[in-house]
Amino acid sequence: MMQTVPSDQEVIAQVLKGNQQKYELLVNKYQSFAFTIALRYTKNREDAEELAQSAFVKAYLNLKDYRGDAKFSTWLYTIVSSLCLSFLRKKKLDIHSLNQEGVFERANANESNLKADVIEQHSRTGLLNRALQLLNPDDAKVLTLFYKAEQSLEEIAQILHTEPNNAKVKLHRARQRLKETMEKHFAREVQEIF
């Protein structure tokens, strides 16, 4: 007998009725999605993991406010995004006081000596992530939403507060710029990997 996977709406309804354990289904389903979004903002794995976790806590605490007029992933994206922006604003304030002591120069020097990311950088995902970082934030955002978050054009339009046709144009232009960036900066790696 095949067991059917409950929809997000069904899981949310069960959680709201008091079955909190069911929330784990949503966490398991969307944790890499939330992490990927957070990583786009922070560029730091530890911060991204912490922010993704915080987003699930915030989503859980506000689950009663989820109206269901958009996919759960769209709602979660908004939560992750706003948490990341708040985090970055706070970090920027902290940077000013820390920078006097040269903390960041020392941290960057230590970080450049770490070779743990070498394997990831040679993978397709690593290469794509590096290329996305070179794009302007708007292009990176629309590409991340479409490819990594698997949002539809309608959902992307909703997140970007624009029309679906405009989202389609933004996606098309972002793809072009990604292709140009890959050809310009990673031509050799692209040939090796693809």
N, C-alpha and C. Protein backbone atom coordinates (compact mmCIF):
# COMPACT_ATOMS: atom_id res chain seq x y z
N MET A 1 0.84 -1.18 0.00
CA MET A 1 0.00 0.00 0.00
C MET A 1 0.89 1.25 0.00
N MET A 2 0.67 2.11 -0.98
CA MET A 2 1.49 3.31 -1.10
C MET A 2 0.93 4.42 -0.22
N GLN A 3 1.83 5.07 0.52
CA GLN A 3 1.41 6.14 1.40
C GLN A 3 1.54 7.46 0.65
N THR A 4 0.49 8.27 0.68
CA THR A 4 0.54 9.55 -0.01
C THR A 4 1.13 10.61 0.92
N VAL A 5 1.88 11.49 0.34
CA VAL A 5 2.49 12.58 1.10
C VAL A 5 1.46 13.70 1.23
N PRO A 6 1.21 14.16 2.46
CA PRO A 6 0.21 15.23 2.62
C PRO A 6 0.71 16.55 2.01
N SER A 7 -0.23 17.34 1.52
CA SER A 7 0.14 18.64 0.96
C SER A 7 0.55 19.57 2.09
N ASP A 8 1.20 20.67 1.72
CA ASP A 8 1.60 21.66 2.72
C ASP A 8 0.38 22.16 3.49
N GLN A 9 -0.72 22.39 2.78
CA GLN A 9 -1.94 22.90 3.41
C GLN A 9 -2.46 21.90 4.44
N GLU A 10 -2.42 20.61 4.10
CA GLU A 10 -2.89 19.57 5.02
C GLU A 10 -2.01 19.51 6.27
N VAL A 11 -0.70 19.62 6.07
CA VAL A 11 0.24 19.59 7.19
C VAL A 11 -0.02 20.80 8.10
N ILE A 12 -0.17 21.97 7.51
CA ILE A 12 -0.41 23.20 8.28
C ILE A 12 -1.70 23.08 9.07
N ALA A 13 -2.73 22.55 8.44
CA ALA A 13 -4.02 22.38 9.14
C ALA A 13 -3.85 21.46 10.36
N GLN A 14 -3.07 20.38 10.20
CA GLN A 14 -2.85 19.45 11.31
C GLN A 14 -2.04 20.11 12.43
N VAL A 15 -1.03 20.91 12.05
CA VAL A 15 -0.22 21.60 13.06
C VAL A 15 -1.10 22.59 13.84
N LEU A 16 -1.94 23.32 13.13
CA LEU A 16 -2.82 24.30 13.77
C LEU A 16 -3.85 23.64 14.68
N LYS A 17 -4.17 22.37 14.41
CA LYS A 17 -5.10 21.62 15.27
C LYS A 17 -4.39 21.03 16.49
N GLY A 18 -3.08 21.26 16.60
CA GLY A 18 -2.37 20.81 17.78
C GLY A 18 -1.35 19.71 17.57
N ASN A 19 -1.21 19.21 16.34
CA ASN A 19 -0.25 18.15 16.06
C ASN A 19 1.08 18.77 15.63
N GLN A 20 1.83 19.32 16.63
CA GLN A 20 3.06 20.06 16.34
C GLN A 20 4.13 19.22 15.65
N GLN A 21 4.14 17.90 15.89
CA GLN A 21 5.16 17.04 15.29
C GLN A 21 5.11 17.08 13.77
N LYS A 22 3.94 17.34 13.22
CA LYS A 22 3.79 17.38 11.75
C LYS A 22 4.60 18.52 11.13
N TYR A 23 4.90 19.55 11.92
CA TYR A 23 5.66 20.69 11.39
C TYR A 23 7.02 20.24 10.86
N GLU A 24 7.54 19.17 11.44
CA GLU A 24 8.83 18.63 11.00
C GLU A 24 8.81 18.26 9.51
N LEU A 25 7.63 17.86 8.99
CA LEU A 25 7.51 17.55 7.56
C LEU A 25 7.85 18.78 6.71
N LEU A 26 7.35 19.95 7.13
CA LEU A 26 7.63 21.18 6.39
C LEU A 26 9.11 21.57 6.52
N VAL A 27 9.64 21.40 7.72
CA VAL A 27 11.06 21.73 7.94
C VAL A 27 11.94 20.86 7.04
N ASN A 28 11.67 19.56 7.04
CA ASN A 28 12.48 18.65 6.22
C ASN A 28 12.35 18.96 4.73
N LYS A 29 11.14 19.31 4.32
CA LYS A 29 10.88 19.58 2.91
C LYS A 29 11.57 20.87 2.43
N TYR A 30 11.62 21.89 3.29
CA TYR A 30 12.08 23.22 2.86
C TYR A 30 13.38 23.68 3.49
N GLN A 31 14.08 22.83 4.25
CA GLN A 31 15.27 23.33 4.92
C GLN A 31 16.39 23.71 3.95
N SER A 32 16.59 22.95 2.87
CA SER A 32 17.65 23.34 1.93
C SER A 32 17.24 24.59 1.15
N PHE A 33 15.96 24.73 0.89
CA PHE A 33 15.42 25.93 0.23
C PHE A 33 15.72 27.17 1.09
N ALA A 34 15.39 27.11 2.38
CA ALA A 34 15.61 28.25 3.28
C ALA A 34 17.11 28.54 3.42
N PHE A 35 17.91 27.47 3.53
CA PHE A 35 19.36 27.64 3.66
C PHE A 35 19.94 28.32 2.42
N THR A 36 19.50 27.89 1.23
CA THR A 36 20.00 28.45 -0.02
C THR A 36 19.70 29.95 -0.11
N ILE A 37 18.50 30.32 0.28
CA ILE A 37 18.12 31.74 0.25
C ILE A 37 19.00 32.53 1.23
N ALA A 38 19.13 32.02 2.45
CA ALA A 38 19.92 32.72 3.46
C ALA A 38 21.38 32.84 3.03
N LEU A 39 21.90 31.80 2.41
CA LEU A 39 23.29 31.81 1.95
C LEU A 39 23.51 32.86 0.86
N ARG A 40 22.49 33.09 0.03
CA ARG A 40 22.59 34.13 -1.00
C ARG A 40 22.81 35.50 -0.37
N TYR A 41 22.17 35.72 0.77
CA TYR A 41 22.31 37.00 1.46
C TYR A 41 23.60 37.10 2.26
N THR A 42 23.91 36.06 3.03
CA THR A 42 24.99 36.17 4.01
C THR A 42 26.35 35.72 3.49
N LYS A 43 26.38 34.81 2.51
CA LYS A 43 27.63 34.25 1.96
C LYS A 43 28.42 33.50 3.04
N ASN A 44 27.77 33.12 4.14
CA ASN A 44 28.43 32.44 5.25
C ASN A 44 27.54 31.28 5.69
N ARG A 45 28.08 30.07 5.65
CA ARG A 45 27.28 28.87 5.92
C ARG A 45 26.66 28.86 7.33
N GLU A 46 27.47 29.23 8.34
CA GLU A 46 26.96 29.20 9.72
C GLU A 46 25.81 30.19 9.90
N ASP A 47 26.01 31.42 9.40
CA ASP A 47 24.95 32.43 9.50
C ASP A 47 23.71 31.97 8.74
N ALA A 48 23.92 31.39 7.57
CA ALA A 48 22.78 30.94 6.75
C ALA A 48 22.00 29.84 7.46
N GLU A 49 22.71 28.91 8.09
CA GLU A 49 22.03 27.83 8.83
C GLU A 49 21.23 28.40 9.99
N GLU A 50 21.83 29.33 10.71
CA GLU A 50 21.15 29.94 11.85
C GLU A 50 19.92 30.73 11.40
N LEU A 51 20.05 31.48 10.33
CA LEU A 51 18.92 32.28 9.82
C LEU A 51 17.81 31.38 9.28
N ALA A 52 18.18 30.30 8.62
CA ALA A 52 17.16 29.36 8.12
C ALA A 52 16.40 28.75 9.28
N GLN A 53 17.12 28.37 10.34
CA GLN A 53 16.46 27.83 11.53
C GLN A 53 15.52 28.85 12.16
N SER A 54 16.01 30.08 12.27
CA SER A 54 15.18 31.15 12.84
C SER A 54 13.93 31.37 12.01
N ALA A 55 14.06 31.24 10.70
CA ALA A 55 12.90 31.42 9.82
C ALA A 55 11.84 30.36 10.09
N PHE A 56 12.27 29.12 10.33
CA PHE A 56 11.29 28.06 10.62
C PHE A 56 10.61 28.29 11.97
N VAL A 57 11.37 28.80 12.93
CA VAL A 57 10.77 29.11 14.23
C VAL A 57 9.74 30.23 14.06
N LYS A 58 10.14 31.28 13.33
CA LYS A 58 9.23 32.41 13.10
C LYS A 58 7.99 31.95 12.32
N ALA A 59 8.19 31.13 11.31
CA ALA A 59 7.06 30.62 10.52
C ALA A 59 6.12 29.81 11.40
N TYR A 60 6.70 28.99 12.27
CA TYR A 60 5.88 28.16 13.16
C TYR A 60 5.05 29.05 14.09
N LEU A 61 5.70 30.05 14.68
CA LEU A 61 5.01 30.93 15.61
C LEU A 61 3.92 31.77 14.94
N ASN A 62 4.06 31.98 13.63
CA ASN A 62 3.10 32.81 12.89
C ASN A 62 2.25 31.98 11.92
N LEU A 63 2.25 30.68 12.09
CA LEU A 63 1.54 29.80 11.16
C LEU A 63 0.05 30.13 11.05
N LYS A 64 -0.52 30.59 12.14
CA LYS A 64 -1.95 30.95 12.11
C LYS A 64 -2.21 32.12 11.15
N ASP A 65 -1.18 32.92 10.86
CA ASP A 65 -1.33 34.07 9.96
C ASP A 65 -1.15 33.69 8.49
N TYR A 66 -0.68 32.46 8.23
CA TYR A 66 -0.51 32.01 6.84
C TYR A 66 -1.89 31.82 6.22
N ARG A 67 -2.17 32.59 5.17
CA ARG A 67 -3.51 32.58 4.57
C ARG A 67 -3.67 31.54 3.46
N GLY A 68 -2.59 31.06 2.91
CA GLY A 68 -2.69 30.04 1.88
C GLY A 68 -2.98 30.58 0.49
N ASP A 69 -2.92 31.91 0.30
CA ASP A 69 -3.15 32.46 -1.03
C ASP A 69 -1.90 32.37 -1.90
N ALA A 70 -0.78 32.00 -1.30
CA ALA A 70 0.46 31.71 -2.04
C ALA A 70 1.00 30.39 -1.48
N LYS A 71 1.94 29.79 -2.20
CA LYS A 71 2.53 28.54 -1.70
C LYS A 71 3.24 28.82 -0.38
N PHE A 72 3.33 27.80 0.45
CA PHE A 72 4.05 27.92 1.72
C PHE A 72 5.49 28.38 1.46
N SER A 73 6.11 27.87 0.39
CA SER A 73 7.50 28.23 0.09
C SER A 73 7.65 29.72 -0.20
N THR A 74 6.63 30.32 -0.82
CA THR A 74 6.66 31.76 -1.10
C THR A 74 6.60 32.54 0.21
N TRP A 75 5.71 32.10 1.10
CA TRP A 75 5.57 32.74 2.41
C TRP A 75 6.87 32.60 3.20
N LEU A 76 7.45 31.40 3.17
CA LEU A 76 8.70 31.14 3.88
C LEU A 76 9.84 31.98 3.29
N TYR A 77 9.86 32.13 1.96
CA TYR A 77 10.88 32.96 1.31
C TYR A 77 10.85 34.36 1.89
N THR A 78 9.66 34.92 2.03
CA THR A 78 9.50 36.28 2.56
C THR A 78 10.06 36.37 3.97
N ILE A 79 9.79 35.35 4.78
CA ILE A 79 10.29 35.35 6.16
C ILE A 79 11.82 35.26 6.18
N VAL A 80 12.38 34.34 5.41
CA VAL A 80 13.84 34.18 5.37
C VAL A 80 14.48 35.48 4.89
N SER A 81 13.93 36.04 3.84
CA SER A 81 14.45 37.26 3.24
C SER A 81 14.46 38.41 4.24
N SER A 82 13.36 38.61 4.95
CA SER A 82 13.30 39.73 5.89
C SER A 82 14.24 39.50 7.08
N LEU A 83 14.36 38.25 7.55
CA LEU A 83 15.31 37.96 8.62
C LEU A 83 16.75 38.25 8.18
N CYS A 84 17.06 37.88 6.95
CA CYS A 84 18.42 38.11 6.43
C CYS A 84 18.71 39.60 6.32
N LEU A 85 17.75 40.37 5.82
CA LEU A 85 17.95 41.81 5.69
C LEU A 85 18.15 42.46 7.06
N SER A 86 17.37 42.04 8.05
CA SER A 86 17.54 42.56 9.42
C SER A 86 18.91 42.19 9.96
N PHE A 87 19.31 40.94 9.73
CA PHE A 87 20.61 40.46 10.18
C PHE A 87 21.74 41.29 9.55
N LEU A 88 21.64 41.54 8.25
CA LEU A 88 22.69 42.29 7.55
C LEU A 88 22.74 43.74 8.02
N ARG A 89 21.56 44.35 8.28
CA ARG A 89 21.53 45.72 8.80
C ARG A 89 22.22 45.78 10.16
N LYS A 90 21.92 44.82 11.02
CA LYS A 90 22.52 44.78 12.36
C LYS A 90 24.03 44.55 12.23
N LYS A 91 24.40 43.65 11.35
CA LYS A 91 25.82 43.33 11.16
C LYS A 91 26.58 44.56 10.67
N LYS A 92 25.93 45.34 9.79
CA LYS A 92 26.56 46.55 9.26
C LYS A 92 26.84 47.53 10.39
N LEU A 93 25.91 47.64 11.34
CA LEU A 93 26.12 48.51 12.49
C LEU A 93 27.28 48.00 13.34
N ASP A 94 27.35 46.67 13.51
CA ASP A 94 28.43 46.07 14.29
C ASP A 94 29.78 46.22 13.60
N ILE A 95 29.78 46.19 12.28
CA ILE A 95 31.03 46.29 11.50
C ILE A 95 31.75 47.59 11.81
N HIS A 96 30.98 48.67 11.93
CA HIS A 96 31.59 49.98 12.16
C HIS A 96 32.47 49.96 13.40
N SER A 97 31.98 49.38 14.51
CA SER A 97 32.76 49.36 15.74
C SER A 97 33.90 48.34 15.66
N LEU A 98 33.67 47.21 15.01
CA LEU A 98 34.71 46.18 14.92
C LEU A 98 35.84 46.58 13.99
N ASN A 99 35.52 47.36 12.97
CA ASN A 99 36.50 47.68 11.93
C ASN A 99 37.68 48.48 12.46
N GLN A 100 37.48 49.25 13.52
CA GLN A 100 38.57 50.03 14.08
C GLN A 100 39.73 49.13 14.51
N GLU A 101 39.42 47.93 14.92
CA GLU A 101 40.45 47.04 15.46
C GLU A 101 41.08 46.15 14.38
N GLY A 102 40.69 46.31 13.14
CA GLY A 102 41.25 45.50 12.07
C GLY A 102 40.81 44.05 12.12
N VAL A 103 39.68 43.79 12.78
CA VAL A 103 39.18 42.42 12.94
C VAL A 103 38.93 41.77 11.59
N PHE A 104 38.34 42.52 10.68
CA PHE A 104 37.96 41.92 9.40
C PHE A 104 39.17 41.59 8.53
N GLU A 105 40.19 42.41 8.59
CA GLU A 105 41.40 42.10 7.81
C GLU A 105 42.00 40.77 8.28
N ARG A 106 42.09 40.58 9.60
CA ARG A 106 42.63 39.33 10.14
C ARG A 106 41.73 38.14 9.80
N ALA A 107 40.43 38.34 9.91
CA ALA A 107 39.49 37.25 9.60
C ALA A 107 39.59 36.86 8.13
N ASN A 108 39.67 37.85 7.25
CA ASN A 108 39.78 37.55 5.82
C ASN A 108 41.08 36.84 5.49
N ALA A 109 42.15 37.22 6.15
CA ALA A 109 43.45 36.56 5.92
C ALA A 109 43.36 35.09 6.33
N ASN A 110 42.73 34.83 7.48
CA ASN A 110 42.58 33.44 7.93
C ASN A 110 41.67 32.65 7.00
N GLU A 111 40.60 33.29 6.56
CA GLU A 111 39.62 32.60 5.72
C GLU A 111 40.22 32.21 4.37
N SER A 112 41.08 33.07 3.82
CA SER A 112 41.65 32.76 2.51
C SER A 112 42.59 31.56 2.57
N ASN A 113 43.06 31.22 3.77
CA ASN A 113 43.93 30.06 3.93
C ASN A 113 43.14 28.75 3.99
N LEU A 114 41.85 28.84 4.21
CA LEU A 114 41.04 27.62 4.31
C LEU A 114 40.79 27.05 2.92
N LYS A 115 41.01 25.78 2.77
CA LYS A 115 40.83 25.15 1.47
C LYS A 115 39.62 24.21 1.43
N ALA A 116 38.78 24.29 2.44
CA ALA A 116 37.64 23.38 2.54
C ALA A 116 36.65 23.54 1.39
N ASP A 117 36.61 24.73 0.80
CA ASP A 117 35.62 24.99 -0.24
C ASP A 117 36.10 24.60 -1.64
N VAL A 118 37.32 24.13 -1.75
CA VAL A 118 37.88 23.83 -3.08
C VAL A 118 37.03 22.82 -3.84
N ILE A 119 36.61 21.76 -3.18
CA ILE A 119 35.80 20.73 -3.85
C ILE A 119 34.48 21.31 -4.33
N GLU A 120 33.82 22.07 -3.44
CA GLU A 120 32.52 22.66 -3.80
C GLU A 120 32.67 23.65 -4.96
N GLN A 121 33.75 24.40 -4.99
CA GLN A 121 33.94 25.39 -6.04
C GLN A 121 34.10 24.75 -7.41
N HIS A 122 34.52 23.50 -7.44
CA HIS A 122 34.69 22.83 -8.72
C HIS A 122 33.44 22.08 -9.16
N SER A 123 32.45 22.08 -8.33
CA SER A 123 31.19 21.43 -8.72
C SER A 123 30.35 22.41 -9.52
N ARG A 124 29.35 21.89 -10.19
CA ARG A 124 28.44 22.76 -10.94
C ARG A 124 27.75 23.76 -10.04
N THR A 125 27.29 23.28 -8.90
CA THR A 125 26.59 24.15 -7.97
C THR A 125 27.50 25.25 -7.46
N GLY A 126 28.71 24.87 -7.10
CA GLY A 126 29.67 25.86 -6.62
C GLY A 126 29.97 26.90 -7.68
N LEU A 127 30.14 26.44 -8.90
CA LEU A 127 30.42 27.35 -10.01
C LEU A 127 29.25 28.30 -10.25
N LEU A 128 28.06 27.75 -10.24
CA LEU A 128 26.87 28.59 -10.42
C LEU A 128 26.72 29.60 -9.30
N ASN A 129 26.97 29.16 -8.07
CA ASN A 129 26.87 30.08 -6.93
C ASN A 129 27.89 31.20 -7.04
N ARG A 130 29.09 30.88 -7.48
CA ARG A 130 30.11 31.91 -7.66
C ARG A 130 29.70 32.90 -8.75
N ALA A 131 29.11 32.38 -9.82
CA ALA A 131 28.65 33.26 -10.90
C ALA A 131 27.50 34.14 -10.42
N LEU A 132 26.59 33.56 -9.65
CA LEU A 132 25.45 34.35 -9.12
C LEU A 132 25.94 35.50 -8.24
N GLN A 133 27.01 35.28 -7.50
CA GLN A 133 27.55 36.33 -6.63
C GLN A 133 28.10 37.51 -7.43
N LEU A 134 28.47 37.26 -8.68
CA LEU A 134 29.00 38.34 -9.51
C LEU A 134 27.89 39.16 -10.18
N LEU A 135 26.68 38.63 -10.17
CA LEU A 135 25.56 39.34 -10.78
C LEU A 135 25.03 40.41 -9.84
N ASN A 136 24.25 41.34 -10.40
CA ASN A 136 23.63 42.31 -9.50
C ASN A 136 22.59 41.58 -8.66
N PRO A 137 22.26 42.10 -7.47
CA PRO A 137 21.36 41.39 -6.54
C PRO A 137 19.99 41.06 -7.14
N ASP A 138 19.45 41.92 -7.99
CA ASP A 138 18.13 41.66 -8.59
C ASP A 138 18.17 40.45 -9.51
N ASP A 139 19.21 40.35 -10.34
CA ASP A 139 19.36 39.20 -11.23
C ASP A 139 19.55 37.92 -10.42
N ALA A 140 20.41 37.99 -9.41
CA ALA A 140 20.67 36.81 -8.57
C ALA A 140 19.39 36.37 -7.87
N LYS A 141 18.60 37.32 -7.42
CA LYS A 141 17.36 37.00 -6.70
C LYS A 141 16.37 36.28 -7.60
N VAL A 142 16.15 36.79 -8.80
CA VAL A 142 15.16 36.18 -9.70
C VAL A 142 15.62 34.79 -10.15
N LEU A 143 16.91 34.61 -10.39
CA LEU A 143 17.44 33.30 -10.78
C LEU A 143 17.35 32.31 -9.62
N THR A 144 17.65 32.76 -8.41
CA THR A 144 17.56 31.90 -7.23
C THR A 144 16.12 31.45 -7.01
N LEU A 145 15.20 32.40 -7.14
CA LEU A 145 13.78 32.06 -6.96
C LEU A 145 13.32 31.03 -7.98
N PHE A 146 13.71 31.20 -9.23
CA PHE A 146 13.22 30.33 -10.29
C PHE A 146 13.88 28.95 -10.25
N TYR A 147 15.21 28.92 -10.13
CA TYR A 147 15.92 27.65 -10.24
C TYR A 147 16.09 26.92 -8.91
N LYS A 148 16.48 27.65 -7.88
CA LYS A 148 16.74 26.97 -6.61
C LYS A 148 15.47 26.83 -5.78
N ALA A 149 14.65 27.87 -5.77
CA ALA A 149 13.43 27.82 -4.97
C ALA A 149 12.26 27.24 -5.76
N GLU A 150 12.46 27.05 -7.07
CA GLU A 150 11.45 26.46 -7.96
C GLU A 150 10.10 27.17 -7.87
N GLN A 151 10.17 28.50 -7.84
CA GLN A 151 8.95 29.30 -7.81
C GLN A 151 8.47 29.52 -9.25
N SER A 152 7.17 29.60 -9.42
CA SER A 152 6.60 29.88 -10.74
C SER A 152 6.77 31.37 -11.04
N LEU A 153 6.55 31.75 -12.29
CA LEU A 153 6.64 33.17 -12.66
C LEU A 153 5.62 33.99 -11.88
N GLU A 154 4.44 33.42 -11.65
CA GLU A 154 3.41 34.14 -10.89
C GLU A 154 3.87 34.38 -9.45
N GLU A 155 4.50 33.36 -8.85
CA GLU A 155 4.98 33.50 -7.48
C GLU A 155 6.16 34.48 -7.41
N ILE A 156 7.02 34.44 -8.39
CA ILE A 156 8.14 35.38 -8.44
C ILE A 156 7.59 36.80 -8.57
N ALA A 157 6.60 36.98 -9.43
CA ALA A 157 5.98 38.30 -9.60
C ALA A 157 5.41 38.79 -8.28
N GLN A 158 4.79 37.89 -7.54
CA GLN A 158 4.20 38.24 -6.25
C GLN A 158 5.29 38.69 -5.27
N ILE A 159 6.39 37.95 -5.22
CA ILE A 159 7.50 38.28 -4.31
C ILE A 159 8.14 39.61 -4.71
N LEU A 160 8.28 39.84 -6.02
CA LEU A 160 8.93 41.06 -6.52
C LEU A 160 7.96 42.24 -6.64
N HIS A 161 6.69 41.99 -6.31
CA HIS A 161 5.65 43.02 -6.42
C HIS A 161 5.57 43.60 -7.83
N THR A 162 5.44 42.70 -8.79
CA THR A 162 5.35 43.10 -10.19
C THR A 162 4.39 42.17 -10.92
N GLU A 163 4.24 42.37 -12.22
CA GLU A 163 3.36 41.54 -13.05
C GLU A 163 4.13 40.29 -13.52
N PRO A 164 3.43 39.15 -13.78
CA PRO A 164 4.11 37.95 -14.26
C PRO A 164 4.92 38.18 -15.55
N ASN A 165 4.39 38.98 -16.47
CA ASN A 165 5.14 39.25 -17.71
C ASN A 165 6.44 39.99 -17.42
N ASN A 166 6.40 40.91 -16.47
CA ASN A 166 7.60 41.65 -16.08
C ASN A 166 8.60 40.69 -15.43
N ALA A 167 8.10 39.77 -14.61
CA ALA A 167 8.97 38.77 -13.98
C ALA A 167 9.63 37.90 -15.04
N LYS A 168 8.87 37.56 -16.08
CA LYS A 168 9.39 36.73 -17.16
C LYS A 168 10.53 37.46 -17.89
N VAL A 169 10.34 38.75 -18.13
CA VAL A 169 11.38 39.56 -18.79
C VAL A 169 12.62 39.65 -17.90
N LYS A 170 12.40 39.88 -16.60
CA LYS A 170 13.53 39.96 -15.65
C LYS A 170 14.31 38.64 -15.63
N LEU A 171 13.58 37.51 -15.64
CA LEU A 171 14.22 36.20 -15.64
C LEU A 171 15.03 36.00 -16.92
N HIS A 172 14.45 36.36 -18.06
CA HIS A 172 15.14 36.21 -19.34
C HIS A 172 16.44 37.03 -19.35
N ARG A 173 16.34 38.27 -18.91
CA ARG A 173 17.53 39.14 -18.89
C ARG A 173 18.58 38.63 -17.90
N ALA A 174 18.11 38.14 -16.76
CA ALA A 174 19.04 37.62 -15.75
C ALA A 174 19.77 36.38 -16.29
N ARG A 175 19.03 35.53 -17.02
CA ARG A 175 19.67 34.34 -17.64
C ARG A 175 20.77 34.77 -18.62
N GLN A 176 20.47 35.79 -19.42
CA GLN A 176 21.45 36.30 -20.39
C GLN A 176 22.71 36.78 -19.66
N ARG A 177 22.49 37.57 -18.60
CA ARG A 177 23.64 38.10 -17.85
C ARG A 177 24.41 36.98 -17.15
N LEU A 178 23.71 35.95 -16.68
CA LEU A 178 24.38 34.81 -16.06
C LEU A 178 25.26 34.10 -17.09
N LYS A 179 24.70 33.89 -18.28
CA LYS A 179 25.45 33.23 -19.36
C LYS A 179 26.71 34.03 -19.70
N GLU A 180 26.54 35.35 -19.83
CA GLU A 180 27.69 36.21 -20.14
C GLU A 180 28.74 36.16 -19.03
N THR A 181 28.27 36.16 -17.80
CA THR A 181 29.19 36.11 -16.65
C THR A 181 29.95 34.79 -16.63
N MET A 182 29.23 33.69 -16.89
CA MET A 182 29.87 32.37 -16.92
C MET A 182 30.94 32.33 -18.02
N GLU A 183 30.60 32.84 -19.20
CA GLU A 183 31.54 32.82 -20.32
C GLU A 183 32.75 33.71 -20.05
N LYS A 184 32.51 34.85 -19.41
CA LYS A 184 33.58 35.81 -19.16
C LYS A 184 34.52 35.35 -18.04
N HIS A 185 33.96 34.89 -16.93
CA HIS A 185 34.76 34.62 -15.75
C HIS A 185 35.13 33.15 -15.55
N PHE A 186 34.33 32.25 -16.12
CA PHE A 186 34.53 30.82 -15.81
C PHE A 186 34.59 29.95 -17.06
N ALA A 187 35.08 30.48 -18.16
CA ALA A 187 35.09 29.73 -19.42
C ALA A 187 35.81 28.38 -19.27
N ARG A 188 36.99 28.38 -18.64
CA ARG A 188 37.77 27.15 -18.49
C ARG A 188 37.03 26.14 -17.61
N GLU A 189 36.51 26.61 -16.46
CA GLU A 189 35.81 25.72 -15.53
C GLU A 189 34.57 25.14 -16.18
N VAL A 190 33.85 25.95 -16.95
CA VAL A 190 32.64 25.49 -17.62
C VAL A 190 32.99 24.34 -18.57
N GLN A 191 34.09 24.48 -19.32
CA GLN A 191 34.51 23.42 -20.25
C GLN A 191 34.88 22.15 -19.48
N GLU A 192 35.55 22.30 -18.32
CA GLU A 192 35.97 21.14 -17.53
C GLU A 192 34.78 20.40 -16.94
N ILE A 193 33.80 21.16 -16.44
CA ILE A 193 32.67 20.54 -15.72
C ILE A 193 31.59 20.07 -16.67
N PHE A 194 31.23 20.89 -17.64
CA PHE A 194 30.08 20.58 -18.50
C PHE A 194 30.52 19.84 -19.70
